[in-house]
Amino acid sequence: MFTTAWTASPQLPSEGFTPNWSREGLWRQSLRQVVRLTAGGDQLRVRLSNAYGTSPVRLTGATVGRTTAGAAVEPGSERRLTFGGGYDAEIPARGQLLSDAVDLAVGALASVTVTLHFDAVTGPATFHAQAFTTSYRGPGDLLADTAGTGFDAVTESWYFLSAVEVDAGRTDGIALFGDSLTDGFGSTPGTDRRWSDALAARTGRPVINAGIGGNLLLNDSAWYGERGVGRLGRDVLGHPGVDTLVVLLGVNDIGFSETDEQPTYRPAPVLEAAELIAGHQELIRQAAGAGLRVVGATLVPFGGSDHWGERAAKVSHELNEWIRCSGEYDAVVDLHRVLADPADPDRLHPAYDFGDHLHPDDAGYEVMAEAVADVLQAGQ
């Protein structure tokens, strides 16, 4: 039985992220992407997403191997991926493609490298904007380039690759669902210091990260993805092996309402806690209907940030109080409490502040993982 060991939630091809290959796509190029798995096994398979493509994407070939450093792959570990028995395949428009299983022993918290070769024009590429790790692109067919020397361009996004599954036989996976705080903004790029990474190390359980930077609970955005209540099924419930969902979402709905002059990339604001509570209730309904245990996380302190103001204070306090006290979540982790500055509880503790008074740093993400791990352990 396969268990999802890594995910990246798909996003609409967009401008505004640099360097960004999503709008131009790929043609006669190879794309190499490195991902860290949270479960091990003897076989694996990959999922490719064309969720926002209006036409099929032709994949000429693909490989997977154990990562060494940078774009290099451990010699002898590379495996040619097949799709329905063939090396080339199409990722359907608005759909996804699952590879056949391939023999490759990998350990939990180890990294694998997936290389995709596109000889035909892909058109705009479904991607995940903020990977906080390096991806590589080079001309021609570089599937066999284990040294990685042929790759001459880099970015910090993932393209088409949406999941890696291993034959771990695990059914105790944890899905983290949220925005940039879950995606890992503020963590040190290239070091796997998101709180999803820390939680996997602490619990020994598979953890998938379904965060999208800027994501909102109740509104779609061209830059920041589909609303949380709309994408939960695809980004969490559609992955095998998950039994627990942790929800940390709503700060952008609140923060984007602080100005009446909304930039074009910001959707309509939400001004009342009751609207956000209804959104959380919808997430609980969907996840509970799929048999998941659902854990609610209070919003972290964000006083002093560009999301903060009189309305933000009122709505965030009301939402956090509902999460703590309503009893609608199966369990609650009070991230606001563990990250707050004792001298001003509406602000992040200086030791955990990335610098924008909204996102934690590496140490803050470690504290978040510890708090969630404690709650999950108490509920076993």
Protein backbone atom coordinates (compact mmCIF):
# COMPACT_ATOMS: atom_id res chain seq x y z
CA MET A 1 0.00 0.00 0.00
CA PHE A 2 1.32 3.40 -0.99
CA THR A 3 1.59 6.39 1.35
CA THR A 4 2.10 9.98 0.28
CA ALA A 5 5.53 11.06 1.52
CA TRP A 6 5.76 14.53 -0.08
CA THR A 7 3.40 17.00 -1.74
CA ALA A 8 3.32 20.45 -3.27
CA SER A 9 -0.08 22.06 -3.79
CA PRO A 10 -0.60 23.10 -7.45
CA GLN A 11 -0.99 26.76 -8.37
CA LEU A 12 -2.09 28.66 -11.46
CA PRO A 13 0.83 29.79 -13.69
CA SER A 14 1.47 33.36 -12.59
CA GLU A 15 3.78 36.29 -13.01
CA GLY A 16 5.40 38.02 -10.08
CA PHE A 17 7.75 35.31 -8.81
CA THR A 18 11.36 35.58 -9.99
CA PRO A 19 12.88 33.62 -11.60
CA ASN A 20 9.67 32.01 -12.74
CA TRP A 21 9.21 29.55 -15.60
CA SER A 22 5.50 28.92 -15.10
CA ARG A 23 4.22 31.35 -17.73
CA GLU A 24 6.71 30.38 -20.44
CA GLY A 25 6.68 26.66 -19.67
CA LEU A 26 9.34 24.33 -21.06
CA TRP A 27 10.42 23.23 -24.54
CA ARG A 28 13.30 20.94 -25.50
CA GLN A 29 14.46 21.18 -21.90
CA SER A 30 14.91 19.01 -18.83
CA LEU A 31 13.71 19.95 -15.39
CA ARG A 32 15.32 18.54 -12.24
CA GLN A 33 13.60 18.87 -8.86
CA VAL A 34 14.69 17.76 -5.39
CA VAL A 35 12.16 16.81 -2.70
CA ARG A 36 12.53 15.47 0.83
CA LEU A 37 10.41 12.45 1.74
CA THR A 38 8.82 11.98 5.16
CA ALA A 39 8.41 8.21 4.82
CA GLY A 40 10.63 5.51 3.38
CA GLY A 41 10.05 2.40 1.34
CA ASP A 42 11.39 0.07 -1.32
CA GLN A 43 9.24 1.39 -4.16
CA LEU A 44 7.98 4.80 -5.12
CA ARG A 45 5.85 6.55 -7.71
CA VAL A 46 5.31 10.19 -8.63
CA ARG A 47 2.27 12.33 -9.41
CA LEU A 48 2.40 15.08 -11.99
CA SER A 49 -0.24 17.80 -12.11
CA ASN A 50 -1.57 19.79 -15.04
CA ALA A 51 -4.42 21.15 -12.92
CA TYR A 52 -4.37 24.55 -14.61
CA GLY A 53 -3.41 23.49 -18.12
CA THR A 54 -5.95 23.95 -20.89
CA SER A 55 -4.31 21.33 -23.12
CA PRO A 56 -2.39 18.08 -22.47
CA VAL A 57 1.32 18.30 -21.66
CA ARG A 58 3.56 15.83 -23.49
CA LEU A 59 6.23 14.28 -21.26
CA THR A 60 9.09 12.72 -23.24
CA GLY A 61 10.73 10.93 -20.32
CA ALA A 62 11.33 10.97 -16.57
CA THR A 63 13.72 9.55 -13.97
CA VAL A 64 14.03 9.43 -10.20
CA GLY A 65 17.12 8.79 -8.09
CA ARG A 66 18.65 9.41 -4.71
CA THR A 67 19.95 12.95 -4.24
CA THR A 68 23.58 13.69 -3.47
CA ALA A 69 24.09 17.47 -3.65
CA GLY A 70 22.70 20.22 -5.83
CA ALA A 71 21.58 18.84 -9.19
CA ALA A 72 23.66 15.68 -8.81
CA VAL A 73 22.13 12.20 -8.43
CA GLU A 74 23.77 9.20 -6.78
CA PRO A 75 25.27 7.17 -9.65
CA GLY A 76 23.50 3.86 -10.12
CA SER A 77 20.40 4.98 -8.22
CA GLU A 78 18.62 6.61 -11.15
CA ARG A 79 15.52 4.77 -12.35
CA ARG A 80 13.60 5.40 -15.52
CA LEU A 81 9.95 6.10 -14.73
CA THR A 82 7.18 4.57 -16.81
CA PHE A 83 3.54 5.53 -17.20
CA GLY A 84 1.23 2.69 -18.10
CA GLY A 85 4.34 0.80 -19.18
CA GLY A 86 5.65 3.52 -21.51
CA TYR A 87 8.42 6.06 -21.10
CA ASP A 88 6.49 8.95 -22.65
CA ALA A 89 3.03 10.07 -21.64
CA GLU A 90 0.56 12.93 -21.55
CA ILE A 91 -0.52 14.82 -18.47
CA PRO A 92 -4.18 15.50 -19.31
CA ALA A 93 -5.57 19.02 -19.34
CA ARG A 94 -6.97 19.91 -15.90
CA GLY A 95 -5.77 16.51 -14.69
CA GLN A 96 -2.87 14.53 -13.27
CA LEU A 97 -0.63 11.63 -14.21
CA LEU A 98 0.55 8.88 -11.86
CA SER A 99 3.70 6.94 -12.72
CA ASP A 100 4.09 3.20 -12.38
CA ALA A 101 5.87 2.06 -9.23
CA VAL A 102 9.65 1.75 -9.53
CA ASP A 103 12.08 -0.13 -7.30
CA LEU A 104 14.19 2.34 -5.33
CA ALA A 105 14.97 1.99 -1.63
CA VAL A 106 14.67 5.33 0.17
CA GLY A 107 14.67 6.25 3.82
CA ALA A 108 12.44 8.61 5.75
CA LEU A 109 13.76 12.19 5.66
CA ALA A 110 15.92 11.35 2.63
CA SER A 111 15.76 13.37 -0.58
CA VAL A 112 15.05 12.13 -4.07
CA THR A 113 15.61 13.87 -7.39
CA VAL A 114 12.96 13.77 -10.10
CA THR A 115 13.98 14.74 -13.65
CA LEU A 116 11.43 15.48 -16.37
CA HIS A 117 12.23 15.91 -20.06
CA PHE A 118 9.88 17.90 -22.30
CA ASP A 119 10.69 17.83 -26.01
CA ALA A 120 7.37 19.40 -27.07
CA VAL A 121 6.14 22.82 -25.92
CA THR A 122 4.35 22.48 -22.59
CA GLY A 123 2.61 25.84 -22.55
CA PRO A 124 2.14 27.52 -19.15
CA ALA A 125 3.15 25.16 -16.36
CA THR A 126 1.11 24.32 -13.28
CA PHE A 127 3.56 25.00 -10.47
CA HIS A 128 4.11 25.58 -6.77
CA ALA A 129 5.58 29.04 -6.43
CA GLN A 130 7.55 28.94 -3.19
CA ALA A 131 9.58 25.77 -2.80
CA PHE A 132 12.35 27.23 -0.62
CA THR A 133 14.70 24.81 -2.31
CA THR A 134 16.44 24.87 -5.68
CA SER A 135 15.11 23.38 -8.91
CA TYR A 136 17.18 23.13 -12.08
CA ARG A 137 16.63 23.49 -15.83
CA GLY A 138 18.85 22.72 -18.78
CA PRO A 139 18.70 22.29 -22.56
CA GLY A 140 17.89 18.97 -24.22
CA ASP A 141 17.63 15.50 -22.72
CA LEU A 142 19.48 15.45 -19.39
CA LEU A 143 17.80 12.40 -17.88
CA ALA A 144 21.13 10.53 -17.70
CA ASP A 145 23.16 13.49 -16.43
CA THR A 146 23.83 12.23 -12.90
CA ALA A 147 26.50 14.88 -12.28
CA GLY A 148 23.99 17.62 -13.03
CA THR A 149 26.49 19.69 -15.00
CA GLY A 150 24.12 20.25 -17.91
CA PHE A 151 21.65 22.25 -15.86
CA ASP A 152 22.33 25.95 -16.37
CA ALA A 153 19.36 27.72 -14.77
CA VAL A 154 17.84 27.63 -11.30
CA THR A 155 14.66 28.68 -9.55
CA GLU A 156 12.96 28.13 -6.18
CA SER A 157 9.66 26.74 -7.48
CA TRP A 158 8.36 23.27 -8.34
CA TYR A 159 6.75 22.57 -11.72
CA PHE A 160 4.22 19.83 -12.57
CA LEU A 161 5.49 17.64 -9.70
CA SER A 162 2.76 17.41 -7.04
CA ALA A 163 3.44 14.27 -4.98
CA VAL A 164 5.78 11.37 -4.31
CA GLU A 165 4.34 8.18 -2.83
CA VAL A 166 6.22 5.26 -1.28
CA ASP A 167 5.16 1.71 -0.44
CA ALA A 168 5.46 2.37 3.30
CA GLY A 169 2.06 0.87 4.07
CA ARG A 170 1.49 3.73 6.52
CA THR A 171 -1.97 5.06 7.33
CA ASP A 172 -0.92 7.55 10.04
CA GLY A 173 0.04 10.46 7.83
CA ILE A 174 -0.38 14.08 8.93
CA ALA A 175 -1.45 16.80 6.49
CA LEU A 176 -0.68 20.44 7.29
CA PHE A 177 -3.10 22.80 5.55
CA GLY A 178 -2.50 26.51 5.37
CA ASP A 179 -0.76 29.50 3.83
CA SER A 180 2.82 30.82 3.84
CA LEU A 181 3.30 29.89 7.49
CA THR A 182 2.78 26.26 6.48
CA ASP A 183 4.55 26.62 3.13
CA GLY A 184 7.68 27.64 5.04
CA PHE A 185 8.19 31.34 4.36
CA GLY A 186 10.85 32.61 6.77
CA SER A 187 12.68 29.28 6.99
CA THR A 188 16.21 29.08 5.62
CA PRO A 189 16.01 28.07 1.92
CA GLY A 190 17.63 24.78 1.02
CA THR A 191 17.74 23.45 4.59
CA ASP A 192 14.31 21.82 5.03
CA ARG A 193 13.50 23.81 8.16
CA ARG A 194 9.75 24.23 7.60
CA TRP A 195 7.57 23.10 10.50
CA SER A 196 6.36 20.19 8.36
CA ASP A 197 9.96 18.94 8.21
CA ALA A 198 10.43 19.40 11.94
CA LEU A 199 7.14 17.63 12.68
CA ALA A 200 8.11 14.61 10.57
CA ALA A 201 11.42 14.36 12.42
CA ARG A 202 9.75 14.67 15.83
CA THR A 203 6.89 12.22 15.27
CA GLY A 204 8.39 9.70 12.84
CA ARG A 205 5.11 9.92 10.91
CA PRO A 206 4.58 10.82 7.25
CA VAL A 207 3.84 14.54 6.95
CA ILE A 208 2.60 16.29 3.83
CA ASN A 209 2.73 20.04 3.42
CA ALA A 210 -0.39 21.51 1.75
CA GLY A 211 0.51 25.14 2.32
CA ILE A 212 0.40 27.84 -0.35
CA GLY A 213 1.96 31.23 0.34
CA GLY A 214 -0.74 33.91 0.53
CA ASN A 215 -3.57 31.38 0.47
CA LEU A 216 -6.96 32.36 1.84
CA LEU A 217 -9.69 30.31 3.44
CA LEU A 218 -12.63 31.86 1.59
CA ASN A 219 -11.38 33.59 -1.57
CA ASP A 220 -9.61 32.46 -4.73
CA SER A 221 -6.56 34.38 -5.94
CA ALA A 222 -4.62 34.30 -9.20
CA TRP A 223 -1.39 34.52 -7.21
CA TYR A 224 -2.25 32.66 -4.05
CA GLY A 225 -4.25 29.68 -5.23
CA GLU A 226 -7.74 28.37 -4.84
CA ARG A 227 -9.56 29.07 -1.59
CA GLY A 228 -8.94 26.62 1.21
CA VAL A 229 -12.52 25.37 1.33
CA GLY A 230 -12.27 24.56 -2.38
CA ARG A 231 -8.86 22.86 -2.58
CA LEU A 232 -8.90 20.61 0.48
CA GLY A 233 -10.18 17.60 -1.46
CA ARG A 234 -7.44 17.77 -4.08
CA ASP A 235 -4.55 18.82 -1.86
CA VAL A 236 -5.22 16.62 1.18
CA LEU A 237 -8.15 14.21 0.93
CA GLY A 238 -6.96 12.88 -2.43
CA HIS A 239 -3.66 11.61 -1.01
CA PRO A 240 -3.30 8.08 0.38
CA GLY A 241 -2.19 7.37 3.93
CA VAL A 242 -3.39 10.56 5.66
CA ASP A 243 -5.42 10.23 8.87
CA THR A 244 -4.88 13.61 10.56
CA LEU A 245 -5.40 17.15 9.30
CA VAL A 246 -3.94 20.24 11.00
CA VAL A 247 -5.56 23.52 9.89
CA LEU A 248 -3.74 26.86 10.17
CA LEU A 249 -5.56 29.27 7.87
CA GLY A 250 -7.24 32.67 7.93
CA VAL A 251 -4.55 35.26 8.60
CA ASN A 252 -4.55 36.45 4.99
CA ASP A 253 -8.33 36.74 4.88
CA ILE A 254 -7.96 39.02 7.88
CA GLY A 255 -4.82 40.85 6.83
CA PHE A 256 -5.95 41.63 3.31
CA SER A 257 -8.97 43.45 4.77
CA GLU A 258 -6.82 46.02 6.56
CA THR A 259 -6.71 48.39 3.58
CA ASP A 260 -9.67 49.62 1.55
CA GLU A 261 -7.44 50.04 -1.50
CA GLN A 262 -6.84 46.44 -2.49
CA PRO A 263 -3.88 45.73 -4.85
CA THR A 264 -4.99 43.84 -7.97
CA TYR A 265 -3.50 40.58 -6.73
CA ARG A 266 -5.50 40.70 -3.51
CA PRO A 267 -9.05 39.32 -3.53
CA ALA A 268 -12.08 40.71 -1.75
CA PRO A 269 -11.57 41.02 2.02
CA VAL A 270 -13.33 39.20 4.82
CA LEU A 271 -14.21 41.45 7.73
CA GLU A 272 -16.15 39.30 10.22
CA ALA A 273 -15.03 36.38 12.35
CA ALA A 274 -18.31 34.59 11.69
CA GLU A 275 -17.39 34.21 8.01
CA LEU A 276 -14.04 32.64 8.88
CA ILE A 277 -15.65 30.38 11.48
CA ALA A 278 -18.06 29.12 8.81
CA GLY A 279 -15.06 28.40 6.57
CA HIS A 280 -13.34 26.42 9.32
CA GLN A 281 -16.57 24.50 9.91
CA GLU A 282 -16.66 23.59 6.23
CA LEU A 283 -13.08 22.26 6.38
CA ILE A 284 -14.01 20.21 9.45
CA ARG A 285 -17.08 18.84 7.67
CA GLN A 286 -15.10 17.78 4.60
CA ALA A 287 -12.22 16.22 6.55
CA ALA A 288 -14.43 14.45 9.09
CA GLY A 289 -16.50 13.08 6.22
CA ALA A 290 -13.31 11.50 4.87
CA GLY A 291 -12.59 9.93 8.27
CA LEU A 292 -9.76 12.26 9.32
CA ARG A 293 -9.02 13.53 12.80
CA VAL A 294 -9.04 17.33 12.52
CA VAL A 295 -6.80 19.56 14.64
CA GLY A 296 -7.32 23.32 14.72
CA ALA A 297 -4.35 25.65 15.18
CA THR A 298 -4.86 29.17 16.48
CA LEU A 299 -3.48 31.98 14.32
CA VAL A 300 0.02 32.98 15.33
CA PRO A 301 0.57 36.50 16.75
CA PHE A 302 1.04 39.04 13.96
CA GLY A 303 0.92 42.42 15.68
CA GLY A 304 3.17 44.98 14.03
CA SER A 305 3.01 43.27 10.65
CA ASP A 306 1.47 44.66 7.48
CA HIS A 307 -1.56 42.43 8.20
CA TRP A 308 -2.26 44.05 11.57
CA GLY A 309 -4.71 46.77 12.53
CA GLU A 310 -7.78 47.42 14.63
CA ARG A 311 -10.05 45.17 12.56
CA ALA A 312 -7.41 42.46 12.33
CA ALA A 313 -6.97 42.44 16.09
CA LYS A 314 -10.69 42.09 16.71
CA VAL A 315 -11.33 39.36 14.12
CA SER A 316 -8.20 37.32 14.93
CA HIS A 317 -9.00 37.36 18.66
CA GLU A 318 -12.56 36.21 17.99
CA LEU A 319 -11.47 33.46 15.60
CA ASN A 320 -8.78 32.18 17.96
CA GLU A 321 -11.23 32.10 20.85
CA TRP A 322 -13.66 30.04 18.77
CA ILE A 323 -10.90 27.61 17.78
CA ARG A 324 -9.88 27.20 21.43
CA CYS A 325 -13.31 26.95 23.02
CA SER A 326 -15.96 25.79 20.55
CA GLY A 327 -15.12 22.10 20.80
CA GLU A 328 -15.69 21.66 17.06
CA TYR A 329 -12.12 20.57 16.35
CA ASP A 330 -11.08 17.15 17.60
CA ALA A 331 -8.08 18.81 19.22
CA VAL A 332 -6.53 22.28 19.38
CA VAL A 333 -2.92 23.45 19.31
CA ASP A 334 -2.50 26.99 20.60
CA LEU A 335 0.26 28.33 18.37
CA HIS A 336 -0.63 31.88 19.39
CA ARG A 337 0.29 31.07 22.98
CA VAL A 338 3.57 29.26 22.32
CA LEU A 339 4.87 31.89 19.87
CA ALA A 340 3.74 35.06 21.66
CA ASP A 341 6.02 37.70 23.13
CA PRO A 342 5.31 37.68 26.91
CA ALA A 343 5.67 41.46 26.90
CA ASP A 344 3.07 41.86 24.13
CA PRO A 345 1.03 38.71 23.39
CA ASP A 346 -0.21 40.11 20.06
CA ARG A 347 3.35 40.04 18.72
CA LEU A 348 5.67 37.19 17.84
CA HIS A 349 8.39 36.52 20.38
CA PRO A 350 11.55 38.24 19.06
CA ALA A 351 13.41 34.93 19.23
CA TYR A 352 10.95 33.43 16.74
CA ASP A 353 10.36 36.39 14.41
CA PHE A 354 11.70 36.11 10.85
CA GLY A 355 11.72 39.89 10.76
CA ASP A 356 8.33 40.85 9.29
CA HIS A 357 6.38 40.25 12.54
CA LEU A 358 4.21 37.71 10.69
CA HIS A 359 6.36 34.69 9.82
CA PRO A 360 8.39 32.59 12.24
CA ASP A 361 12.06 31.83 11.63
CA ASP A 362 13.65 28.37 11.84
CA ALA A 363 13.46 28.39 15.65
CA GLY A 364 9.82 29.44 15.56
CA TYR A 365 8.90 26.66 13.16
CA GLU A 366 10.62 24.18 15.49
CA VAL A 367 8.45 25.44 18.36
CA MET A 368 5.32 25.04 16.22
CA ALA A 369 6.27 21.45 15.39
CA GLU A 370 6.92 20.65 19.05
CA ALA A 371 3.53 22.04 20.08
CA VAL A 372 1.68 20.05 17.41
CA ALA A 373 3.64 16.89 18.20
CA ASP A 374 2.66 17.21 21.88
CA VAL A 375 -1.03 17.54 20.98
CA LEU A 376 -0.91 14.60 18.59
CA GLN A 377 0.88 12.45 21.16
CA ALA A 378 -1.68 13.30 23.82
CA GLY A 379 -4.47 12.24 21.50
CA GLN A 380 -3.11 8.77 20.76
